Amino acid sequence: MDEGPPIADHVLRPHHITLLIILSAVFKDLAIQKLPKPFALHIHRVLLNEVAEVGDRRLFRKCVLTAKQVAQPKPHKDLLIELSSGSSADQPECKKIIDEVNTFVRDIL
């Protein structure tokens, strides 16, 4: 009898849900292509840092991290504040994405 793949021991946390909401809002219908380039770059950086859970970007480049150097996930509110702090975040296209993420987070969490 064939055995399936090994069971993974992953825990889905609220932080992961927020990241999935952001990914969905940004990449749905390729919305990121319609955003100003500086804001799109900001979103990519925020997502990369949060997915990697790396606190210091310089350490991320070295790719050698100890347990103390790994950042704790940001709470929803802090993540949304950081998302809203990007360059050109006040433009209508950017506000639309931020509002969509805020609405999803508020409705789900």
N, C-alpha and C. Protein backbone atom coordinates (compact mmCIF):
# COMPACT_ATOMS: atom_id res chain seq x y z
N MET A 1 0.84 -1.17 0.00
CA MET A 1 0.00 0.00 0.00
C MET A 1 0.89 1.24 0.00
N ASP A 2 0.55 2.21 -0.84
CA ASP A 2 1.34 3.44 -0.92
C ASP A 2 1.08 4.32 0.29
N GLU A 3 2.16 4.84 0.82
CA GLU A 3 2.03 5.78 1.92
C GLU A 3 2.02 7.19 1.35
N GLY A 4 1.22 8.04 1.97
CA GLY A 4 1.16 9.43 1.54
C GLY A 4 2.36 10.20 2.04
N PRO A 5 2.40 11.47 1.73
CA PRO A 5 3.52 12.29 2.21
C PRO A 5 3.48 12.40 3.73
N PRO A 6 4.60 12.68 4.33
CA PRO A 6 4.62 12.79 5.79
C PRO A 6 3.71 13.94 6.25
N ILE A 7 3.13 13.78 7.39
CA ILE A 7 2.24 14.79 7.94
C ILE A 7 3.09 15.97 8.41
N ALA A 8 2.72 17.14 7.95
CA ALA A 8 3.44 18.35 8.34
C ALA A 8 2.84 18.90 9.63
N ASP A 9 3.69 19.42 10.45
CA ASP A 9 3.23 19.99 11.72
C ASP A 9 3.30 21.51 11.63
N HIS A 10 2.32 22.10 10.94
CA HIS A 10 2.28 23.55 10.76
C HIS A 10 1.09 24.10 11.53
N VAL A 11 1.30 25.25 12.10
CA VAL A 11 0.24 25.91 12.84
C VAL A 11 -0.17 27.16 12.07
N LEU A 12 -1.45 27.28 11.77
CA LEU A 12 -1.96 28.46 11.10
C LEU A 12 -2.33 29.49 12.16
N ARG A 13 -1.69 30.64 12.10
CA ARG A 13 -1.89 31.69 13.10
C ARG A 13 -2.61 32.88 12.45
N PRO A 14 -3.20 33.74 13.28
CA PRO A 14 -3.90 34.92 12.73
C PRO A 14 -3.00 35.76 11.82
N HIS A 15 -1.73 35.83 12.14
CA HIS A 15 -0.77 36.57 11.32
C HIS A 15 -0.74 36.01 9.89
N HIS A 16 -0.83 34.72 9.74
CA HIS A 16 -0.82 34.10 8.43
C HIS A 16 -2.07 34.47 7.64
N ILE A 17 -3.19 34.56 8.32
CA ILE A 17 -4.44 34.94 7.67
C ILE A 17 -4.32 36.35 7.11
N THR A 18 -3.75 37.26 7.91
CA THR A 18 -3.56 38.64 7.45
C THR A 18 -2.67 38.68 6.22
N LEU A 19 -1.60 37.92 6.23
CA LEU A 19 -0.71 37.88 5.06
C LEU A 19 -1.43 37.33 3.83
N LEU A 20 -2.24 36.30 4.01
CA LEU A 20 -3.00 35.75 2.89
C LEU A 20 -4.00 36.76 2.34
N ILE A 21 -4.60 37.54 3.23
CA ILE A 21 -5.54 38.58 2.79
C ILE A 21 -4.80 39.62 1.95
N ILE A 22 -3.63 40.04 2.42
CA ILE A 22 -2.84 41.03 1.68
C ILE A 22 -2.44 40.46 0.32
N LEU A 23 -1.95 39.23 0.31
CA LEU A 23 -1.56 38.60 -0.96
C LEU A 23 -2.74 38.51 -1.92
N SER A 24 -3.89 38.15 -1.40
CA SER A 24 -5.08 38.04 -2.23
C SER A 24 -5.48 39.39 -2.81
N ALA A 25 -5.49 40.42 -1.98
CA ALA A 25 -5.89 41.75 -2.45
C ALA A 25 -4.91 42.31 -3.47
N VAL A 26 -3.64 42.08 -3.25
CA VAL A 26 -2.61 42.67 -4.11
C VAL A 26 -2.47 41.92 -5.44
N PHE A 27 -2.57 40.61 -5.41
CA PHE A 27 -2.32 39.85 -6.63
C PHE A 27 -3.58 39.41 -7.36
N LYS A 28 -4.74 39.66 -6.77
CA LYS A 28 -6.00 39.34 -7.45
C LYS A 28 -6.12 40.26 -8.67
N ASP A 29 -6.42 39.70 -9.78
CA ASP A 29 -6.55 40.45 -11.03
C ASP A 29 -5.31 41.29 -11.33
N LEU A 30 -4.17 40.85 -10.82
CA LEU A 30 -2.91 41.55 -11.02
C LEU A 30 -3.00 43.03 -10.63
N ALA A 31 -3.68 43.29 -9.52
CA ALA A 31 -3.87 44.66 -9.04
C ALA A 31 -2.55 45.37 -8.79
N ILE A 32 -1.53 44.63 -8.45
CA ILE A 32 -0.24 45.25 -8.13
C ILE A 32 0.35 45.95 -9.35
N GLN A 33 0.00 45.51 -10.54
CA GLN A 33 0.52 46.15 -11.75
C GLN A 33 -0.08 47.54 -11.96
N LYS A 34 -1.23 47.79 -11.34
CA LYS A 34 -1.90 49.09 -11.48
C LYS A 34 -1.45 50.09 -10.42
N LEU A 35 -0.66 49.63 -9.46
CA LEU A 35 -0.22 50.50 -8.37
C LEU A 35 1.04 51.27 -8.78
N PRO A 36 1.25 52.43 -8.15
CA PRO A 36 2.52 53.13 -8.40
C PRO A 36 3.70 52.24 -8.01
N LYS A 37 4.76 52.31 -8.78
CA LYS A 37 5.92 51.44 -8.56
C LYS A 37 6.50 51.52 -7.15
N PRO A 38 6.64 52.73 -6.55
CA PRO A 38 7.20 52.77 -5.19
C PRO A 38 6.32 52.04 -4.17
N PHE A 39 5.01 52.14 -4.34
CA PHE A 39 4.11 51.47 -3.40
C PHE A 39 4.13 49.96 -3.62
N ALA A 40 4.18 49.54 -4.87
CA ALA A 40 4.27 48.10 -5.17
C ALA A 40 5.54 47.52 -4.58
N LEU A 41 6.65 48.24 -4.70
CA LEU A 41 7.91 47.79 -4.11
C LEU A 41 7.79 47.70 -2.59
N HIS A 42 7.14 48.69 -1.98
CA HIS A 42 6.93 48.68 -0.53
C HIS A 42 6.13 47.44 -0.11
N ILE A 43 5.08 47.14 -0.84
CA ILE A 43 4.26 45.96 -0.52
C ILE A 43 5.11 44.69 -0.61
N HIS A 44 5.90 44.57 -1.66
CA HIS A 44 6.76 43.40 -1.80
C HIS A 44 7.72 43.28 -0.62
N ARG A 45 8.32 44.39 -0.22
CA ARG A 45 9.25 44.35 0.91
C ARG A 45 8.56 43.96 2.20
N VAL A 46 7.39 44.52 2.44
CA VAL A 46 6.64 44.19 3.66
C VAL A 46 6.31 42.71 3.67
N LEU A 47 5.80 42.20 2.56
CA LEU A 47 5.43 40.79 2.49
C LEU A 47 6.65 39.88 2.64
N LEU A 48 7.74 40.21 1.98
CA LEU A 48 8.95 39.38 2.10
C LEU A 48 9.46 39.35 3.53
N ASN A 49 9.50 40.50 4.17
CA ASN A 49 9.97 40.55 5.56
C ASN A 49 9.05 39.78 6.50
N GLU A 50 7.76 39.87 6.28
CA GLU A 50 6.82 39.18 7.15
C GLU A 50 6.79 37.68 6.91
N VAL A 51 6.86 37.28 5.67
CA VAL A 51 6.87 35.84 5.37
C VAL A 51 8.15 35.20 5.90
N ALA A 52 9.27 35.90 5.72
CA ALA A 52 10.55 35.38 6.19
C ALA A 52 10.70 35.53 7.70
N GLU A 53 9.88 36.41 8.29
CA GLU A 53 9.95 36.70 9.73
C GLU A 53 11.36 37.10 10.14
N VAL A 54 11.93 37.99 9.34
CA VAL A 54 13.26 38.51 9.61
C VAL A 54 13.13 39.95 10.04
N GLY A 55 13.72 40.28 11.17
CA GLY A 55 13.61 41.62 11.70
C GLY A 55 14.56 42.61 11.07
N ASP A 56 15.79 42.24 10.85
CA ASP A 56 16.81 43.13 10.33
C ASP A 56 17.13 42.72 8.90
N ARG A 57 16.91 43.62 7.95
CA ARG A 57 17.14 43.28 6.55
C ARG A 57 18.59 42.91 6.27
N ARG A 58 19.53 43.51 7.00
CA ARG A 58 20.94 43.17 6.79
C ARG A 58 21.20 41.71 7.15
N LEU A 59 20.53 41.23 8.18
CA LEU A 59 20.69 39.82 8.56
C LEU A 59 20.07 38.91 7.51
N PHE A 60 18.98 39.37 6.90
CA PHE A 60 18.31 38.58 5.87
C PHE A 60 19.27 38.33 4.71
N ARG A 61 20.07 39.33 4.36
CA ARG A 61 21.01 39.18 3.26
C ARG A 61 22.08 38.14 3.58
N LYS A 62 22.47 38.05 4.84
CA LYS A 62 23.49 37.08 5.22
C LYS A 62 22.94 35.66 5.24
N CYS A 63 21.63 35.53 5.48
CA CYS A 63 20.95 34.23 5.52
C CYS A 63 21.48 33.32 6.64
N VAL A 64 22.09 33.89 7.64
CA VAL A 64 22.55 33.13 8.80
C VAL A 64 21.90 33.77 10.01
N LEU A 65 20.89 33.12 10.53
CA LEU A 65 20.10 33.72 11.61
C LEU A 65 20.10 32.83 12.83
N THR A 66 20.15 33.46 13.97
CA THR A 66 19.96 32.74 15.22
C THR A 66 18.53 32.96 15.66
N ALA A 67 18.10 32.25 16.66
CA ALA A 67 16.72 32.37 17.14
C ALA A 67 16.41 33.79 17.60
N LYS A 68 17.38 34.50 18.16
CA LYS A 68 17.15 35.86 18.63
C LYS A 68 16.99 36.85 17.48
N GLN A 69 17.55 36.53 16.33
CA GLN A 69 17.50 37.45 15.20
C GLN A 69 16.23 37.30 14.37
N VAL A 70 15.48 36.25 14.58
CA VAL A 70 14.25 36.05 13.84
C VAL A 70 13.16 36.91 14.48
N ALA A 71 12.53 37.72 13.66
CA ALA A 71 11.52 38.64 14.16
C ALA A 71 10.23 37.91 14.50
N GLN A 72 9.55 38.42 15.49
CA GLN A 72 8.23 37.92 15.80
C GLN A 72 7.24 38.52 14.80
N PRO A 73 6.21 37.79 14.41
CA PRO A 73 5.24 38.35 13.46
C PRO A 73 4.59 39.61 14.04
N LYS A 74 4.34 40.56 13.16
CA LYS A 74 3.69 41.80 13.60
C LYS A 74 2.20 41.53 13.84
N PRO A 75 1.63 42.19 14.84
CA PRO A 75 0.17 42.12 15.02
C PRO A 75 -0.52 42.74 13.80
N HIS A 76 -1.78 42.41 13.62
CA HIS A 76 -2.54 42.88 12.46
C HIS A 76 -2.46 44.39 12.32
N LYS A 77 -2.69 45.07 13.42
CA LYS A 77 -2.73 46.54 13.39
C LYS A 77 -1.38 47.11 12.93
N ASP A 78 -0.28 46.58 13.44
CA ASP A 78 1.04 47.06 13.05
C ASP A 78 1.35 46.75 11.59
N LEU A 79 0.91 45.60 11.14
CA LEU A 79 1.14 45.23 9.75
C LEU A 79 0.37 46.15 8.81
N LEU A 80 -0.86 46.48 9.17
CA LEU A 80 -1.66 47.38 8.34
C LEU A 80 -1.11 48.80 8.38
N ILE A 81 -0.60 49.22 9.53
CA ILE A 81 0.03 50.54 9.63
C ILE A 81 1.26 50.59 8.73
N GLU A 82 2.07 49.53 8.77
CA GLU A 82 3.26 49.49 7.92
C GLU A 82 2.89 49.49 6.44
N LEU A 83 1.86 48.75 6.10
CA LEU A 83 1.40 48.72 4.72
C LEU A 83 0.95 50.11 4.27
N SER A 84 0.31 50.83 5.15
CA SER A 84 -0.21 52.17 4.84
C SER A 84 0.87 53.24 4.84
N SER A 85 2.05 52.92 5.32
CA SER A 85 3.11 53.92 5.43
C SER A 85 3.99 54.02 4.19
N GLY A 86 3.68 53.26 3.18
CA GLY A 86 4.50 53.24 1.98
C GLY A 86 4.39 54.51 1.16
N SER A 87 5.39 54.72 0.33
CA SER A 87 5.39 55.85 -0.58
C SER A 87 4.18 55.74 -1.52
N SER A 88 3.50 56.84 -1.75
CA SER A 88 2.32 56.92 -2.63
C SER A 88 1.09 56.24 -2.04
N ALA A 89 1.10 55.93 -0.76
CA ALA A 89 -0.05 55.24 -0.14
C ALA A 89 -1.31 56.10 -0.13
N ASP A 90 -1.16 57.39 -0.36
CA ASP A 90 -2.33 58.27 -0.35
C ASP A 90 -3.01 58.36 -1.72
N GLN A 91 -2.47 57.71 -2.73
CA GLN A 91 -3.09 57.73 -4.05
C GLN A 91 -4.30 56.79 -4.07
N PRO A 92 -5.29 57.10 -4.91
CA PRO A 92 -6.55 56.33 -4.90
C PRO A 92 -6.38 54.82 -5.09
N GLU A 93 -5.49 54.41 -6.00
CA GLU A 93 -5.32 52.97 -6.24
C GLU A 93 -4.77 52.27 -4.99
N CYS A 94 -3.86 52.97 -4.30
CA CYS A 94 -3.24 52.40 -3.10
C CYS A 94 -4.25 52.36 -1.96
N LYS A 95 -5.01 53.44 -1.81
CA LYS A 95 -6.04 53.48 -0.76
C LYS A 95 -7.06 52.37 -0.96
N LYS A 96 -7.39 52.09 -2.22
CA LYS A 96 -8.36 51.03 -2.51
C LYS A 96 -7.86 49.67 -1.99
N ILE A 97 -6.59 49.37 -2.25
CA ILE A 97 -6.00 48.11 -1.78
C ILE A 97 -5.97 48.08 -0.25
N ILE A 98 -5.52 49.17 0.36
CA ILE A 98 -5.44 49.23 1.83
C ILE A 98 -6.82 49.09 2.44
N ASP A 99 -7.82 49.76 1.87
CA ASP A 99 -9.19 49.65 2.38
C ASP A 99 -9.73 48.23 2.24
N GLU A 100 -9.40 47.58 1.12
CA GLU A 100 -9.84 46.20 0.90
C GLU A 100 -9.24 45.27 1.96
N VAL A 101 -7.96 45.44 2.24
CA VAL A 101 -7.30 44.62 3.26
C VAL A 101 -7.92 44.91 4.63
N ASN A 102 -8.11 46.18 4.96
CA ASN A 102 -8.72 46.54 6.24
C ASN A 102 -10.11 45.94 6.41
N THR A 103 -10.89 45.98 5.34
CA THR A 103 -12.25 45.42 5.39
C THR A 103 -12.21 43.93 5.63
N PHE A 104 -11.37 43.22 4.88
CA PHE A 104 -11.24 41.76 5.07
C PHE A 104 -10.82 41.42 6.48
N VAL A 105 -9.80 42.10 6.97
CA VAL A 105 -9.28 41.82 8.31
C VAL A 105 -10.35 42.09 9.35
N ARG A 106 -11.05 43.20 9.21
CA ARG A 106 -12.09 43.55 10.17
C ARG A 106 -13.23 42.52 10.15
N ASP A 107 -13.62 42.08 8.95
CA ASP A 107 -14.72 41.12 8.83
C ASP A 107 -14.36 39.73 9.34
N ILE A 108 -13.13 39.30 9.06
CA ILE A 108 -12.73 37.94 9.40
C ILE A 108 -12.24 37.83 10.85
N LEU A 109 -11.43 38.78 11.24
CA LEU A 109 -10.82 38.69 12.56
C LEU A 109 -11.56 39.60 13.49
